[in-house]
C-alpha atoms as a PDB file:
ATOM      1  CA  MET A   1      30.702-139.938  -2.854  1.00  0.00           C
ATOM      2  CA  ASP A   2      29.244-143.247  -1.305  1.00  0.00           C
ATOM      3  CA  ILE A   3      31.602-145.480  -2.781  1.00  0.00           C
ATOM      4  CA  ALA A   4      32.813-147.048   0.988  1.00  0.00           C
ATOM      5  CA  LEU A   5      31.339-145.616   3.916  1.00  0.00           C
ATOM      6  CA  PRO A   6      31.100-147.078   7.405  1.00  0.00           C
ATOM      7  CA  SER A   7      29.495-150.851   7.533  1.00  0.00           C
ATOM      8  CA  THR A   8      29.157-150.967   3.948  1.00  0.00           C
ATOM      9  CA  GLY A   9      32.665-152.410   2.886  1.00  0.00           C
ATOM     10  CA  ILE A  10      35.616-151.937   1.332  1.00  0.00           C
ATOM     11  CA  ALA A  11      36.798-150.344  -1.650  1.00  0.00           C
ATOM     12  CA  ILE A  12      40.133-149.843  -3.661  1.00  0.00           C
ATOM     13  CA  LEU A  13      40.284-146.547  -5.120  1.00  0.00           C
ATOM     14  CA  SER A  14      42.878-143.930  -5.881  1.00  0.00           C
ATOM     15  CA  LYS A  15      44.040-141.444  -3.026  1.00  0.00           C
ATOM     16  CA  TRP A  16      43.016-138.528  -5.378  1.00  0.00           C
ATOM     17  CA  SER A  17      39.560-139.603  -5.763  1.00  0.00           C
ATOM     18  CA  VAL A  18      38.545-139.761  -2.423  1.00  0.00           C
ATOM     19  CA  ARG A  19      41.216-136.919  -0.995  1.00  0.00           C
ATOM     20  CA  LYS A  20      38.118-134.880   0.406  1.00  0.00           C
ATOM     21  CA  GLU A  21      36.168-137.598   2.142  1.00  0.00           C
ATOM     22  CA  VAL A  22      39.597-138.343   3.737  1.00  0.00           C
ATOM     23  CA  GLU A  23      40.222-134.998   4.784  1.00  0.00           C
ATOM     24  CA  ASP A  24      36.630-134.365   6.325  1.00  0.00           C
ATOM     25  CA  GLY A  25      37.344-137.924   8.096  1.00  0.00           C
ATOM     26  CA  ARG A  26      34.469-139.534   6.186  1.00  0.00           C
ATOM     27  CA  LEU A  27      37.109-142.386   4.950  1.00  0.00           C
ATOM     28  CA  LYS A  28      40.268-143.885   6.218  1.00  0.00           C
ATOM     29  CA  ILE A  29      42.979-144.947   4.081  1.00  0.00           C
ATOM     30  CA  VAL A  30      44.545-148.365   4.950  1.00  0.00           C
ATOM     31  CA  ASN A  31      47.937-148.929   3.269  1.00  0.00           C
ATOM     32  CA  LEU A  32      48.995-152.290   1.981  1.00  0.00           C
ATOM     33  CA  LYS A  33      51.974-153.856   3.656  1.00  0.00           C
ATOM     34  CA  GLU A  34      53.470-156.017   0.602  1.00  0.00           C
ATOM     35  CA  GLY A  35      53.813-155.714  -3.245  1.00  0.00           C
ATOM     36  CA  GLY A  36      51.215-152.604  -3.489  1.00  0.00           C
ATOM     37  CA  LEU A  37      48.921-152.555  -6.484  1.00  0.00           C
ATOM     38  CA  THR A  38      49.014-151.861 -10.168  1.00  0.00           C
ATOM     39  CA  ARG A  39      46.109-151.074 -12.196  1.00  0.00           C
ATOM     40  CA  SER A  40      45.353-150.201 -15.932  1.00  0.00           C
ATOM     41  CA  LEU A  41      43.992-146.891 -16.940  1.00  0.00           C
ATOM     42  CA  SER A  42      41.996-146.469 -20.057  1.00  0.00           C
ATOM     43  CA  LEU A  43      40.594-143.685 -21.799  1.00  0.00           C
ATOM     44  CA  VAL A  44      36.958-144.467 -23.668  1.00  0.00           C
ATOM     45  CA  SER A  45      35.382-142.503 -26.090  1.00  0.00           C
ATOM     46  CA  SER A  46      32.481-143.237 -28.669  1.00  0.00           C
ATOM     47  CA  LYS A  47      33.545-144.046 -32.259  1.00  0.00           C
ATOM     48  CA  LYS A  48      30.778-141.655 -33.168  1.00  0.00           C
ATOM     49  CA  THR A  49      32.027-138.763 -31.472  1.00  0.00           C
ATOM     50  CA  ARG A  50      34.850-136.738 -32.962  1.00  0.00           C
ATOM     51  CA  LEU A  51      37.245-135.889 -30.322  1.00  0.00           C
ATOM     52  CA  SER A  52      37.951-131.836 -29.945  1.00  0.00           C
ATOM     53  CA  HIS A  53      41.148-130.544 -29.624  1.00  0.00           C
ATOM     54  CA  ALA A  54      40.746-130.085 -25.715  1.00  0.00           C
ATOM     55  CA  ASP A  55      39.846-133.595 -25.539  1.00  0.00           C
ATOM     56  CA  LYS A  56      43.231-134.760 -27.701  1.00  0.00           C
ATOM     57  CA  GLU A  57      45.149-132.472 -25.281  1.00  0.00           C
ATOM     58  CA  PHE A  58      43.351-134.216 -22.335  1.00  0.00           C
ATOM     59  CA  ILE A  59      44.533-137.550 -23.871  1.00  0.00           C
ATOM     60  CA  LEU A  60      48.061-136.555 -24.049  1.00  0.00           C
ATOM     61  CA  PHE A  61      48.424-135.065 -20.696  1.00  0.00           C
ATOM     62  CA  VAL A  62      46.930-138.081 -19.391  1.00  0.00           C
ATOM     63  CA  LYS A  63      49.209-140.312 -21.222  1.00  0.00           C
ATOM     64  CA  ASN A  64      52.404-138.053 -20.227  1.00  0.00           C
ATOM     65  CA  TYR A  65      51.357-137.707 -16.677  1.00  0.00           C
ATOM     66  CA  PRO A  66      53.447-139.322 -14.098  1.00  0.00           C
ATOM     67  CA  LEU A  67      51.471-142.186 -12.413  1.00  0.00           C
ATOM     68  CA  GLU A  68      52.847-141.888  -9.034  1.00  0.00           C
ATOM     69  CA  ASN A  69      51.150-138.547  -8.530  1.00  0.00           C
ATOM     70  CA  PHE A  70      47.613-139.829  -8.851  1.00  0.00           C
END
């Protein structure tokens, strides 16, 4: 993953999405001191594609998953 490497900038990402890079020491987490940050998440699919049973189950899982675990 080459999202935010030394000398190339800053990115706001979920801890989950960069856990491996943090464990490897390639990225560092900088915690926000005040207020935190709220993000909206969206699931997107093509109108032309019929959702499979697995797709529908995944959507239900994401809708019901506690966001603080991300």
